[in-house]
Amino acid sequence: MNMGSADRKLRAFVVAPVLVVAGLLAGPAGWLAIVLYVLAAVMAGTAAVGFCPLYALFGVRTYPAQRASTHAAEGSR
């Protein structure tokens, strides 16, 4: 996972629906609408799984850093 919860919610509940509405306004079967629908599907899919390939490519993480577990810290003593 490389996406935080705010990023996932923004993609799922704002960006994807806006892209679908923009596609409908552009003409439901036109080439621009199809591109917008595909982008909406990608946004919804990445939000669902919590992983964005472009974030991984550029080294971006919006997921909070995980702290080392206490068991690992105790084992290193």
Protein backbone atom coordinates (compact mmCIF):
# COMPACT_ATOMS: atom_id res chain seq x y z
CA MET A 1 0.00 0.00 0.00
CA ASN A 2 1.29 3.41 -0.87
CA MET A 3 -1.90 5.46 -0.51
CA GLY A 4 -3.25 6.94 2.70
CA SER A 5 -6.91 6.92 3.65
CA ALA A 6 -7.49 10.58 2.72
CA ASP A 7 -6.00 9.97 -0.73
CA ARG A 8 -8.15 6.88 -1.21
CA LYS A 9 -11.34 8.65 -0.13
CA LEU A 10 -10.61 11.64 -2.38
CA ARG A 11 -10.12 9.38 -5.40
CA ALA A 12 -13.18 7.24 -4.68
CA PHE A 13 -15.70 9.86 -3.64
CA VAL A 14 -14.61 13.00 -5.51
CA VAL A 15 -12.32 12.37 -8.48
CA ALA A 16 -13.95 9.24 -9.92
CA PRO A 17 -17.53 10.61 -9.76
CA VAL A 18 -16.44 13.94 -11.25
CA LEU A 19 -14.77 12.11 -14.14
CA VAL A 20 -17.94 10.07 -14.76
CA VAL A 21 -20.10 13.21 -14.77
CA ALA A 22 -17.63 14.93 -17.09
CA GLY A 23 -17.83 11.92 -19.39
CA LEU A 24 -21.62 12.10 -19.44
CA LEU A 25 -21.48 15.82 -20.22
CA ALA A 26 -18.94 15.26 -23.00
CA GLY A 27 -21.28 12.84 -24.72
CA PRO A 28 -21.82 9.34 -23.34
CA ALA A 29 -20.31 7.45 -26.30
CA GLY A 30 -17.67 9.87 -27.58
CA TRP A 31 -13.94 9.17 -27.43
CA LEU A 32 -13.39 11.80 -24.73
CA ALA A 33 -16.11 10.24 -22.58
CA ILE A 34 -14.52 6.81 -22.93
CA VAL A 35 -11.13 8.19 -21.84
CA LEU A 36 -12.79 9.86 -18.84
CA TYR A 37 -14.59 6.63 -17.91
CA VAL A 38 -11.31 4.69 -18.06
CA LEU A 39 -9.62 7.29 -15.84
CA ALA A 40 -12.53 7.08 -13.40
CA ALA A 41 -12.19 3.29 -13.31
CA VAL A 42 -8.44 3.58 -12.65
CA MET A 43 -9.07 6.08 -9.82
CA ALA A 44 -11.72 3.82 -8.26
CA GLY A 45 -9.54 0.73 -8.67
CA THR A 46 -6.45 2.27 -7.13
CA ALA A 47 -8.58 3.61 -4.27
CA ALA A 48 -10.02 0.15 -3.68
CA VAL A 49 -6.66 -1.64 -3.49
CA GLY A 50 -4.69 1.22 -1.92
CA PHE A 51 -1.85 1.04 -4.43
CA CYS A 52 -0.99 3.51 -7.19
CA PRO A 53 1.58 2.35 -9.76
CA LEU A 54 2.57 5.93 -10.61
CA TYR A 55 3.22 6.65 -6.93
CA ALA A 56 5.49 3.59 -6.82
CA LEU A 57 7.29 4.71 -9.99
CA PHE A 58 8.02 8.15 -8.57
CA GLY A 59 8.59 7.02 -4.97
CA VAL A 60 5.57 8.85 -3.55
CA ARG A 61 3.79 7.54 -0.44
CA THR A 62 0.75 9.12 1.17
CA TYR A 63 0.40 6.13 3.51
CA PRO A 64 1.76 6.98 6.98
CA ALA A 65 5.09 5.39 7.84
CA GLN A 66 4.78 2.28 9.97
CA ARG A 67 6.51 2.22 13.30
CA ALA A 68 8.78 -0.66 14.17
CA SER A 69 6.95 -3.27 16.20
CA THR A 70 7.83 -3.58 19.86
CA HIS A 71 8.66 -7.27 19.41
CA ALA A 72 11.33 -6.48 16.84
CA ALA A 73 12.81 -3.82 19.12
CA GLU A 74 12.89 -6.22 22.07
CA GLY A 75 14.54 -8.95 20.03
CA SER A 76 17.46 -6.72 19.05
CA ARG A 77 18.63 -6.19 22.65
